[in-house]
């Protein structure tokens, strides 16, 4: 199973920043290679978030990755874990913030990582005293580590 579960915001920020498709196409080939090797993956919910954005190079790329099976549908195990995450979030955060979090892809990424191992790749940073659930805080409650995409790239030793 994947070692890394990619958050939509990580892909969006990296595309808009130093690894744009026009600047570093080899970066995206590297990510595809690691997906094909089973090292990287993401949730189908992340794909849905990307699909709600602009029609751009990232969405075109994401559609190809979806066709290749790299955006994973939640199975029964992931769905059960999602319900555990939902219970925790609903009990520990204001309802408006809990609903917003649970209606996105983030809890699904965490559920996939819990079910099948790996870490969640996100630019979010811990904010334990916040009223808004953050990936690192919720993941930590369930024993899942997070890192940002630059840390992941260093670990994977990308050479462009």
N, C-alpha and C. Protein backbone atom coordinates (compact mmCIF):
# COMPACT_ATOMS: atom_id res chain seq x y z
N UNK A 1 0.84 -1.19 0.00
CA UNK A 1 0.00 0.00 0.00
C UNK A 1 0.88 1.25 0.00
N UNK A 2 0.30 2.38 -0.36
CA UNK A 2 1.09 3.61 -0.48
C UNK A 2 1.76 4.04 0.83
N UNK A 3 2.91 4.64 0.67
CA UNK A 3 3.61 5.23 1.81
C UNK A 3 3.16 6.67 2.04
N UNK A 4 2.58 7.27 1.00
CA UNK A 4 2.19 8.68 1.04
C UNK A 4 0.81 8.84 0.43
N UNK A 5 -0.04 9.63 1.09
CA UNK A 5 -1.39 9.96 0.62
C UNK A 5 -1.43 11.46 0.37
N UNK A 6 -1.62 11.85 -0.88
CA UNK A 6 -1.52 13.24 -1.29
C UNK A 6 -2.81 14.03 -1.09
N UNK A 7 -2.68 15.17 -0.43
CA UNK A 7 -3.76 16.12 -0.21
C UNK A 7 -3.92 17.00 -1.46
N UNK A 8 -5.13 17.43 -1.74
CA UNK A 8 -5.38 18.28 -2.91
C UNK A 8 -4.57 19.57 -2.84
N UNK A 9 -4.54 20.19 -1.67
CA UNK A 9 -3.84 21.46 -1.54
C UNK A 9 -2.35 21.31 -1.84
N UNK A 10 -1.76 20.18 -1.49
CA UNK A 10 -0.34 19.95 -1.81
C UNK A 10 -0.13 19.98 -3.31
N UNK A 11 -1.00 19.31 -4.04
CA UNK A 11 -0.88 19.29 -5.49
C UNK A 11 -1.12 20.67 -6.09
N UNK A 12 -2.10 21.37 -5.57
CA UNK A 12 -2.43 22.70 -6.10
C UNK A 12 -1.30 23.68 -5.84
N UNK A 13 -0.80 23.70 -4.60
CA UNK A 13 0.27 24.65 -4.28
C UNK A 13 1.54 24.36 -5.06
N UNK A 14 1.89 23.11 -5.21
CA UNK A 14 3.12 22.75 -5.91
C UNK A 14 2.97 23.09 -7.40
N UNK A 15 1.76 22.89 -7.95
CA UNK A 15 1.51 23.24 -9.35
C UNK A 15 1.59 24.75 -9.56
N UNK A 16 1.08 25.52 -8.59
CA UNK A 16 1.11 26.98 -8.70
C UNK A 16 2.46 27.57 -8.32
N UNK A 17 3.33 26.76 -7.73
CA UNK A 17 4.62 27.25 -7.27
C UNK A 17 5.77 26.73 -8.09
N UNK A 18 6.76 26.17 -7.41
CA UNK A 18 8.02 25.84 -8.09
C UNK A 18 7.96 24.66 -9.05
N UNK A 19 6.91 23.85 -8.99
CA UNK A 19 6.85 22.67 -9.84
C UNK A 19 5.67 22.72 -10.80
N UNK A 20 5.41 23.89 -11.36
CA UNK A 20 4.36 24.02 -12.35
C UNK A 20 4.64 23.10 -13.54
N UNK A 21 3.61 22.70 -14.22
CA UNK A 21 3.76 21.79 -15.35
C UNK A 21 4.66 22.36 -16.43
N UNK A 22 4.62 23.69 -16.60
CA UNK A 22 5.45 24.33 -17.62
C UNK A 22 6.89 24.53 -17.17
N UNK A 23 7.13 24.48 -15.86
CA UNK A 23 8.47 24.70 -15.31
C UNK A 23 9.20 23.38 -15.06
N UNK A 24 8.50 22.43 -14.50
CA UNK A 24 9.13 21.17 -14.08
C UNK A 24 8.28 19.96 -14.47
N UNK A 25 8.13 19.72 -15.77
CA UNK A 25 7.33 18.54 -16.16
C UNK A 25 7.91 17.23 -15.63
N UNK A 26 9.21 17.19 -15.42
CA UNK A 26 9.82 15.96 -14.91
C UNK A 26 9.37 15.66 -13.48
N UNK A 27 9.00 16.69 -12.72
CA UNK A 27 8.48 16.47 -11.38
C UNK A 27 7.21 15.62 -11.47
N UNK A 28 6.31 15.97 -12.38
CA UNK A 28 5.05 15.27 -12.51
C UNK A 28 5.25 13.85 -13.05
N UNK A 29 6.26 13.67 -13.89
CA UNK A 29 6.60 12.32 -14.35
C UNK A 29 7.11 11.48 -13.18
N UNK A 30 7.89 12.11 -12.29
CA UNK A 30 8.39 11.42 -11.10
C UNK A 30 7.22 11.00 -10.21
N UNK A 31 6.27 11.93 -9.99
CA UNK A 31 5.10 11.62 -9.16
C UNK A 31 4.31 10.46 -9.78
N UNK A 32 4.11 10.51 -11.10
CA UNK A 32 3.42 9.40 -11.80
C UNK A 32 4.16 8.08 -11.60
N UNK A 33 5.49 8.12 -11.73
CA UNK A 33 6.29 6.91 -11.56
C UNK A 33 6.08 6.34 -10.17
N UNK A 34 6.12 7.19 -9.15
CA UNK A 34 5.94 6.72 -7.78
C UNK A 34 4.51 6.22 -7.54
N UNK A 35 3.55 6.80 -8.23
CA UNK A 35 2.18 6.28 -8.15
C UNK A 35 2.11 4.90 -8.79
N UNK A 36 2.73 4.76 -9.94
CA UNK A 36 2.74 3.47 -10.63
C UNK A 36 3.44 2.40 -9.81
N UNK A 37 4.42 2.80 -9.00
CA UNK A 37 5.14 1.87 -8.13
C UNK A 37 4.35 1.56 -6.85
N UNK A 38 3.24 2.26 -6.64
CA UNK A 38 2.44 2.03 -5.44
C UNK A 38 2.92 2.78 -4.22
N UNK A 39 3.82 3.73 -4.39
CA UNK A 39 4.39 4.47 -3.26
C UNK A 39 3.52 5.68 -2.91
N UNK A 40 2.91 6.29 -3.92
CA UNK A 40 2.03 7.45 -3.74
C UNK A 40 0.63 7.10 -4.19
N UNK A 41 -0.34 7.72 -3.52
CA UNK A 41 -1.72 7.57 -3.92
C UNK A 41 -2.51 8.73 -3.35
N UNK A 42 -3.80 8.70 -3.59
CA UNK A 42 -4.69 9.70 -3.02
C UNK A 42 -6.09 9.13 -3.00
N UNK A 43 -6.97 9.86 -2.37
CA UNK A 43 -8.37 9.45 -2.28
C UNK A 43 -9.15 9.98 -3.48
N UNK A 44 -10.16 9.27 -3.87
CA UNK A 44 -11.05 9.74 -4.93
C UNK A 44 -11.70 11.06 -4.51
N UNK A 45 -11.80 11.31 -3.22
CA UNK A 45 -12.37 12.57 -2.73
C UNK A 45 -11.44 13.74 -3.07
N UNK A 46 -10.14 13.50 -3.10
CA UNK A 46 -9.19 14.53 -3.52
C UNK A 46 -9.41 14.83 -4.99
N UNK A 47 -9.60 13.80 -5.79
CA UNK A 47 -9.89 14.02 -7.20
C UNK A 47 -11.14 14.89 -7.35
N UNK A 48 -12.16 14.61 -6.57
CA UNK A 48 -13.39 15.40 -6.63
C UNK A 48 -13.13 16.87 -6.32
N UNK A 49 -12.27 17.13 -5.33
CA UNK A 49 -11.92 18.51 -5.02
C UNK A 49 -11.19 19.17 -6.19
N UNK A 50 -10.28 18.44 -6.81
CA UNK A 50 -9.56 18.99 -7.97
C UNK A 50 -10.52 19.24 -9.12
N UNK A 51 -11.47 18.36 -9.28
CA UNK A 51 -12.44 18.47 -10.36
C UNK A 51 -13.34 19.71 -10.19
N UNK A 52 -13.50 20.16 -8.96
CA UNK A 52 -14.31 21.35 -8.70
C UNK A 52 -13.55 22.64 -8.99
N UNK A 53 -12.27 22.52 -9.31
CA UNK A 53 -11.46 23.70 -9.62
C UNK A 53 -11.47 24.00 -11.11
N UNK A 54 -10.52 24.82 -11.49
CA UNK A 54 -10.41 25.23 -12.89
C UNK A 54 -9.92 24.09 -13.77
N UNK A 55 -10.30 24.14 -15.02
CA UNK A 55 -9.79 23.21 -16.02
C UNK A 55 -8.37 23.66 -16.33
N UNK A 56 -7.40 22.92 -15.84
CA UNK A 56 -6.00 23.30 -16.04
C UNK A 56 -5.15 22.04 -16.17
N UNK A 57 -3.83 22.24 -16.22
CA UNK A 57 -2.91 21.11 -16.38
C UNK A 57 -3.04 20.10 -15.25
N UNK A 58 -3.27 20.60 -14.03
CA UNK A 58 -3.40 19.68 -12.89
C UNK A 58 -4.63 18.79 -13.04
N UNK A 59 -5.73 19.36 -13.44
CA UNK A 59 -6.94 18.55 -13.61
C UNK A 59 -6.77 17.54 -14.73
N UNK A 60 -6.15 17.94 -15.82
CA UNK A 60 -5.89 17.01 -16.93
C UNK A 60 -5.01 15.86 -16.44
N UNK A 61 -3.96 16.20 -15.68
CA UNK A 61 -3.06 15.20 -15.12
C UNK A 61 -3.82 14.29 -14.14
N UNK A 62 -4.64 14.90 -13.29
CA UNK A 62 -5.38 14.12 -12.29
C UNK A 62 -6.36 13.15 -12.96
N UNK A 63 -6.97 13.57 -14.04
CA UNK A 63 -7.88 12.66 -14.75
C UNK A 63 -7.13 11.42 -15.25
N UNK A 64 -5.93 11.64 -15.74
CA UNK A 64 -5.13 10.50 -16.21
C UNK A 64 -4.77 9.59 -15.03
N UNK A 65 -4.43 10.18 -13.90
CA UNK A 65 -4.09 9.37 -12.72
C UNK A 65 -5.31 8.61 -12.21
N UNK A 66 -6.47 9.24 -12.31
CA UNK A 66 -7.70 8.55 -11.92
C UNK A 66 -7.92 7.33 -12.80
N UNK A 67 -7.75 7.51 -14.11
CA UNK A 67 -7.91 6.39 -15.04
C UNK A 67 -6.92 5.27 -14.72
N UNK A 68 -5.75 5.63 -14.20
CA UNK A 68 -4.73 4.65 -13.85
C UNK A 68 -4.94 4.05 -12.47
N UNK A 69 -6.02 4.45 -11.78
CA UNK A 69 -6.35 3.86 -10.48
C UNK A 69 -5.62 4.45 -9.30
N UNK A 70 -5.09 5.65 -9.42
CA UNK A 70 -4.30 6.24 -8.35
C UNK A 70 -5.10 7.11 -7.39
N UNK A 71 -6.37 7.33 -7.68
CA UNK A 71 -7.28 7.98 -6.75
C UNK A 71 -8.22 6.88 -6.27
N UNK A 72 -8.04 6.48 -5.02
CA UNK A 72 -8.64 5.26 -4.48
C UNK A 72 -10.04 5.51 -3.91
N UNK A 73 -10.96 4.64 -4.27
CA UNK A 73 -12.31 4.65 -3.69
C UNK A 73 -12.23 4.09 -2.27
N UNK A 74 -12.98 4.65 -1.35
CA UNK A 74 -12.97 4.10 0.02
C UNK A 74 -13.71 2.77 0.08
N UNK A 75 -13.03 1.76 0.59
CA UNK A 75 -13.68 0.46 0.76
C UNK A 75 -14.37 0.43 2.13
N UNK A 76 -14.90 -0.71 2.51
CA UNK A 76 -15.64 -0.83 3.77
C UNK A 76 -14.77 -0.50 4.98
N UNK A 77 -13.50 -0.88 4.94
CA UNK A 77 -12.60 -0.60 6.07
C UNK A 77 -12.40 0.91 6.20
N UNK A 78 -12.12 1.57 5.09
CA UNK A 78 -11.91 3.02 5.10
C UNK A 78 -13.18 3.73 5.56
N UNK A 79 -14.33 3.26 5.11
CA UNK A 79 -15.59 3.88 5.51
C UNK A 79 -15.84 3.73 7.01
N UNK A 80 -15.49 2.59 7.57
CA UNK A 80 -15.63 2.39 9.01
C UNK A 80 -14.72 3.34 9.77
N UNK A 81 -13.50 3.48 9.31
CA UNK A 81 -12.55 4.39 9.97
C UNK A 81 -13.01 5.83 9.81
N UNK A 82 -13.54 6.18 8.64
CA UNK A 82 -14.08 7.53 8.44
C UNK A 82 -15.13 7.83 9.51
N UNK A 83 -16.01 6.88 9.79
CA UNK A 83 -17.04 7.10 10.81
C UNK A 83 -16.42 7.35 12.18
N UNK A 84 -15.31 6.66 12.49
CA UNK A 84 -14.61 6.90 13.76
C UNK A 84 -14.03 8.32 13.79
N UNK A 85 -13.47 8.74 12.67
CA UNK A 85 -12.93 10.10 12.57
C UNK A 85 -14.07 11.10 12.73
N UNK A 86 -15.19 10.85 12.06
CA UNK A 86 -16.35 11.75 12.14
C UNK A 86 -16.84 11.88 13.58
N UNK A 87 -16.90 10.77 14.28
CA UNK A 87 -17.33 10.81 15.69
C UNK A 87 -16.38 11.68 16.50
N UNK A 88 -15.08 11.47 16.33
CA UNK A 88 -14.10 12.27 17.07
C UNK A 88 -14.24 13.76 16.74
N UNK A 89 -14.31 14.08 15.46
CA UNK A 89 -14.39 15.48 15.03
C UNK A 89 -15.67 16.13 15.54
N UNK A 90 -16.79 15.43 15.43
CA UNK A 90 -18.06 15.97 15.92
C UNK A 90 -18.07 16.20 17.42
N UNK A 91 -17.33 15.39 18.16
CA UNK A 91 -17.29 15.52 19.62
C UNK A 91 -16.30 16.58 20.09
N UNK A 92 -15.37 17.00 19.23
CA UNK A 92 -14.29 17.86 19.69
C UNK A 92 -14.19 19.21 18.99
N UNK A 93 -15.05 19.47 18.03
CA UNK A 93 -15.00 20.73 17.29
C UNK A 93 -16.40 21.30 17.15
N UNK A 94 -16.51 22.62 17.00
CA UNK A 94 -17.83 23.22 16.77
C UNK A 94 -18.49 22.61 15.54
N UNK A 95 -19.80 22.47 15.57
CA UNK A 95 -20.52 21.76 14.52
C UNK A 95 -20.24 22.32 13.12
N UNK A 96 -20.23 23.63 12.98
CA UNK A 96 -19.98 24.23 11.67
C UNK A 96 -18.61 23.82 11.13
N UNK A 97 -17.59 23.89 11.98
CA UNK A 97 -16.23 23.52 11.57
C UNK A 97 -16.12 22.02 11.32
N UNK A 98 -16.76 21.24 12.17
CA UNK A 98 -16.74 19.77 12.00
C UNK A 98 -17.38 19.39 10.67
N UNK A 99 -18.52 19.98 10.37
CA UNK A 99 -19.21 19.66 9.11
C UNK A 99 -18.38 20.02 7.90
N UNK A 100 -17.76 21.20 7.94
CA UNK A 100 -16.93 21.63 6.82
C UNK A 100 -15.78 20.65 6.59
N UNK A 101 -15.14 20.23 7.67
CA UNK A 101 -14.02 19.29 7.57
C UNK A 101 -14.50 17.94 7.03
N UNK A 102 -15.59 17.44 7.58
CA UNK A 102 -16.07 16.12 7.20
C UNK A 102 -16.65 16.07 5.79
N UNK A 103 -17.01 17.21 5.24
CA UNK A 103 -17.53 17.25 3.87
C UNK A 103 -16.42 17.35 2.83
N UNK A 104 -15.17 17.41 3.26
CA UNK A 104 -14.05 17.49 2.33
C UNK A 104 -13.31 16.17 2.22
N UNK A 105 -12.19 16.22 1.55
CA UNK A 105 -11.38 15.03 1.31
C UNK A 105 -10.47 14.67 2.49
N UNK A 106 -10.17 15.64 3.33
CA UNK A 106 -9.16 15.43 4.37
C UNK A 106 -9.42 14.22 5.28
N UNK A 107 -10.61 14.05 5.82
CA UNK A 107 -10.81 12.88 6.68
C UNK A 107 -10.68 11.56 5.93
N UNK A 108 -10.99 11.58 4.65
CA UNK A 108 -10.85 10.36 3.85
C UNK A 108 -9.39 9.99 3.67
N UNK A 109 -8.53 11.00 3.45
CA UNK A 109 -7.09 10.73 3.34
C UNK A 109 -6.58 10.09 4.63
N UNK A 110 -7.00 10.68 5.74
CA UNK A 110 -6.58 10.15 7.04
C UNK A 110 -7.09 8.71 7.21
N UNK A 111 -8.33 8.48 6.82
CA UNK A 111 -8.91 7.12 6.94
C UNK A 111 -8.15 6.12 6.08
N UNK A 112 -7.78 6.51 4.87
CA UNK A 112 -6.99 5.63 4.02
C UNK A 112 -5.64 5.31 4.67
N UNK A 113 -4.99 6.33 5.23
CA UNK A 113 -3.69 6.12 5.87
C UNK A 113 -3.81 5.21 7.09
N UNK A 114 -4.87 5.38 7.86
CA UNK A 114 -5.08 4.50 9.02
C UNK A 114 -5.31 3.06 8.54
N UNK A 115 -6.14 2.91 7.54
CA UNK A 115 -6.50 1.57 7.06
C UNK A 115 -5.33 0.85 6.41
N UNK A 116 -4.52 1.57 5.66
CA UNK A 116 -3.51 0.90 4.84
C UNK A 116 -2.09 1.38 5.06
N UNK A 117 -1.89 2.20 6.06
CA UNK A 117 -0.54 2.67 6.37
C UNK A 117 -0.15 3.87 5.52
N UNK A 118 0.97 4.45 5.89
CA UNK A 118 1.47 5.60 5.18
C UNK A 118 1.19 6.89 5.93
N UNK A 119 1.66 7.96 5.35
CA UNK A 119 1.52 9.29 5.94
C UNK A 119 0.74 10.19 4.97
N UNK A 120 0.14 11.21 5.54
CA UNK A 120 -0.63 12.16 4.75
C UNK A 120 0.27 13.34 4.39
N UNK A 121 0.30 13.68 3.11
CA UNK A 121 1.11 14.78 2.61
C UNK A 121 0.23 16.02 2.53
N UNK A 122 0.57 17.04 3.32
CA UNK A 122 -0.22 18.26 3.41
C UNK A 122 0.67 19.43 3.80
N UNK A 123 0.24 20.61 3.41
CA UNK A 123 0.92 21.82 3.87
C UNK A 123 0.32 22.33 5.17
N UNK A 124 -0.76 21.74 5.63
CA UNK A 124 -1.35 22.16 6.90
C UNK A 124 -0.37 21.87 8.03
N UNK A 125 -0.39 22.74 9.02
CA UNK A 125 0.47 22.57 10.18
C UNK A 125 -0.42 22.37 11.41
N UNK A 126 0.11 21.70 12.42
CA UNK A 126 -0.71 21.48 13.62
C UNK A 126 -1.20 22.80 14.22
N UNK A 127 -2.41 22.77 14.71
CA UNK A 127 -3.02 23.91 15.41
C UNK A 127 -3.94 23.35 16.48
N UNK A 128 -3.37 22.70 17.49
CA UNK A 128 -4.19 21.97 18.46
C UNK A 128 -5.19 22.82 19.24
N UNK A 129 -4.96 24.11 19.35
CA UNK A 129 -5.91 24.95 20.09
C UNK A 129 -6.93 25.63 19.18
N UNK A 130 -6.89 25.30 17.90
CA UNK A 130 -7.82 25.89 16.94
C UNK A 130 -9.21 25.25 17.06
N UNK A 131 -10.22 26.03 16.72
CA UNK A 131 -11.59 25.48 16.65
C UNK A 131 -11.85 24.82 15.31
N UNK A 132 -10.87 24.89 14.42
CA UNK A 132 -11.01 24.30 13.09
C UNK A 132 -10.16 23.04 13.01
N UNK A 133 -10.75 21.90 12.65
CA UNK A 133 -9.95 20.67 12.54
C UNK A 133 -8.90 20.81 11.43
N UNK A 134 -7.70 20.38 11.74
CA UNK A 134 -6.59 20.40 10.79
C UNK A 134 -6.09 18.97 10.60
N UNK A 135 -5.67 18.68 9.39
CA UNK A 135 -5.19 17.32 9.09
C UNK A 135 -4.17 16.83 10.11
N UNK A 136 -3.11 17.60 10.40
CA UNK A 136 -2.10 17.05 11.33
C UNK A 136 -2.65 16.70 12.71
N UNK A 137 -3.59 17.51 13.20
CA UNK A 137 -4.15 17.26 14.54
C UNK A 137 -5.05 16.04 14.55
N UNK A 138 -5.90 15.92 13.54
CA UNK A 138 -6.80 14.76 13.49
C UNK A 138 -5.99 13.50 13.22
N UNK A 139 -5.05 13.58 12.30
CA UNK A 139 -4.20 12.42 11.99
C UNK A 139 -3.46 11.95 13.25
N UNK A 140 -2.91 12.89 14.00
CA UNK A 140 -2.15 12.53 15.21
C UNK A 140 -3.04 11.81 16.22
N UNK A 141 -4.30 12.19 16.31
CA UNK A 141 -5.23 11.52 17.23
C UNK A 141 -5.37 10.04 16.91
N UNK A 142 -5.11 9.70 15.65
CA UNK A 142 -5.26 8.31 15.20
C UNK A 142 -3.91 7.67 14.88
N UNK A 143 -2.82 8.30 15.34
CA UNK A 143 -1.50 7.72 15.18
C UNK A 143 -0.89 7.86 13.79
N UNK A 144 -1.39 8.78 12.99
CA UNK A 144 -0.89 8.98 11.63
C UNK A 144 -0.02 10.23 11.58
N UNK A 145 1.11 10.10 10.93
CA UNK A 145 2.03 11.23 10.77
C UNK A 145 1.73 11.98 9.48
N UNK A 146 2.10 13.24 9.47
CA UNK A 146 1.97 14.06 8.27
C UNK A 146 3.33 14.66 7.92
N UNK A 147 3.44 15.09 6.69
CA UNK A 147 4.64 15.79 6.22
C UNK A 147 4.21 16.63 5.04
N UNK A 148 5.05 17.60 4.68
CA UNK A 148 4.69 18.39 3.50
C UNK A 148 5.33 17.77 2.26
N UNK A 149 4.94 18.26 1.12
CA UNK A 149 5.37 17.65 -0.13
C UNK A 149 6.87 17.80 -0.36
N UNK A 150 7.47 18.88 0.17
CA UNK A 150 8.92 19.05 0.03
C UNK A 150 9.67 17.99 0.83
N UNK A 151 9.16 17.68 2.03
CA UNK A 151 9.76 16.61 2.82
C UNK A 151 9.62 15.27 2.11
N UNK A 152 8.45 15.03 1.52
CA UNK A 152 8.23 13.79 0.78
C UNK A 152 9.21 13.68 -0.39
N UNK A 153 9.35 14.77 -1.14
CA UNK A 153 10.25 14.77 -2.30
C UNK A 153 11.68 14.48 -1.87
N UNK A 154 12.09 15.05 -0.74
CA UNK A 154 13.45 14.77 -0.24
C UNK A 154 13.59 13.31 0.15
N UNK A 155 12.59 12.77 0.81
CA UNK A 155 12.64 11.36 1.20
C UNK A 155 12.72 10.44 -0.01
N UNK A 156 12.00 10.81 -1.05
CA UNK A 156 11.98 9.99 -2.27
C UNK A 156 13.19 10.26 -3.17
N UNK A 157 13.97 11.26 -2.82
CA UNK A 157 15.21 11.60 -3.53
C UNK A 157 14.96 11.92 -5.00
N UNK A 158 14.02 12.79 -5.23
CA UNK A 158 13.73 13.20 -6.58
C UNK A 158 14.94 13.94 -7.15
N UNK A 159 15.24 13.67 -8.39
CA UNK A 159 16.30 14.37 -9.11
C UNK A 159 15.67 14.89 -10.40
N UNK A 160 15.62 16.20 -10.53
CA UNK A 160 15.01 16.80 -11.72
C UNK A 160 16.08 17.19 -12.72
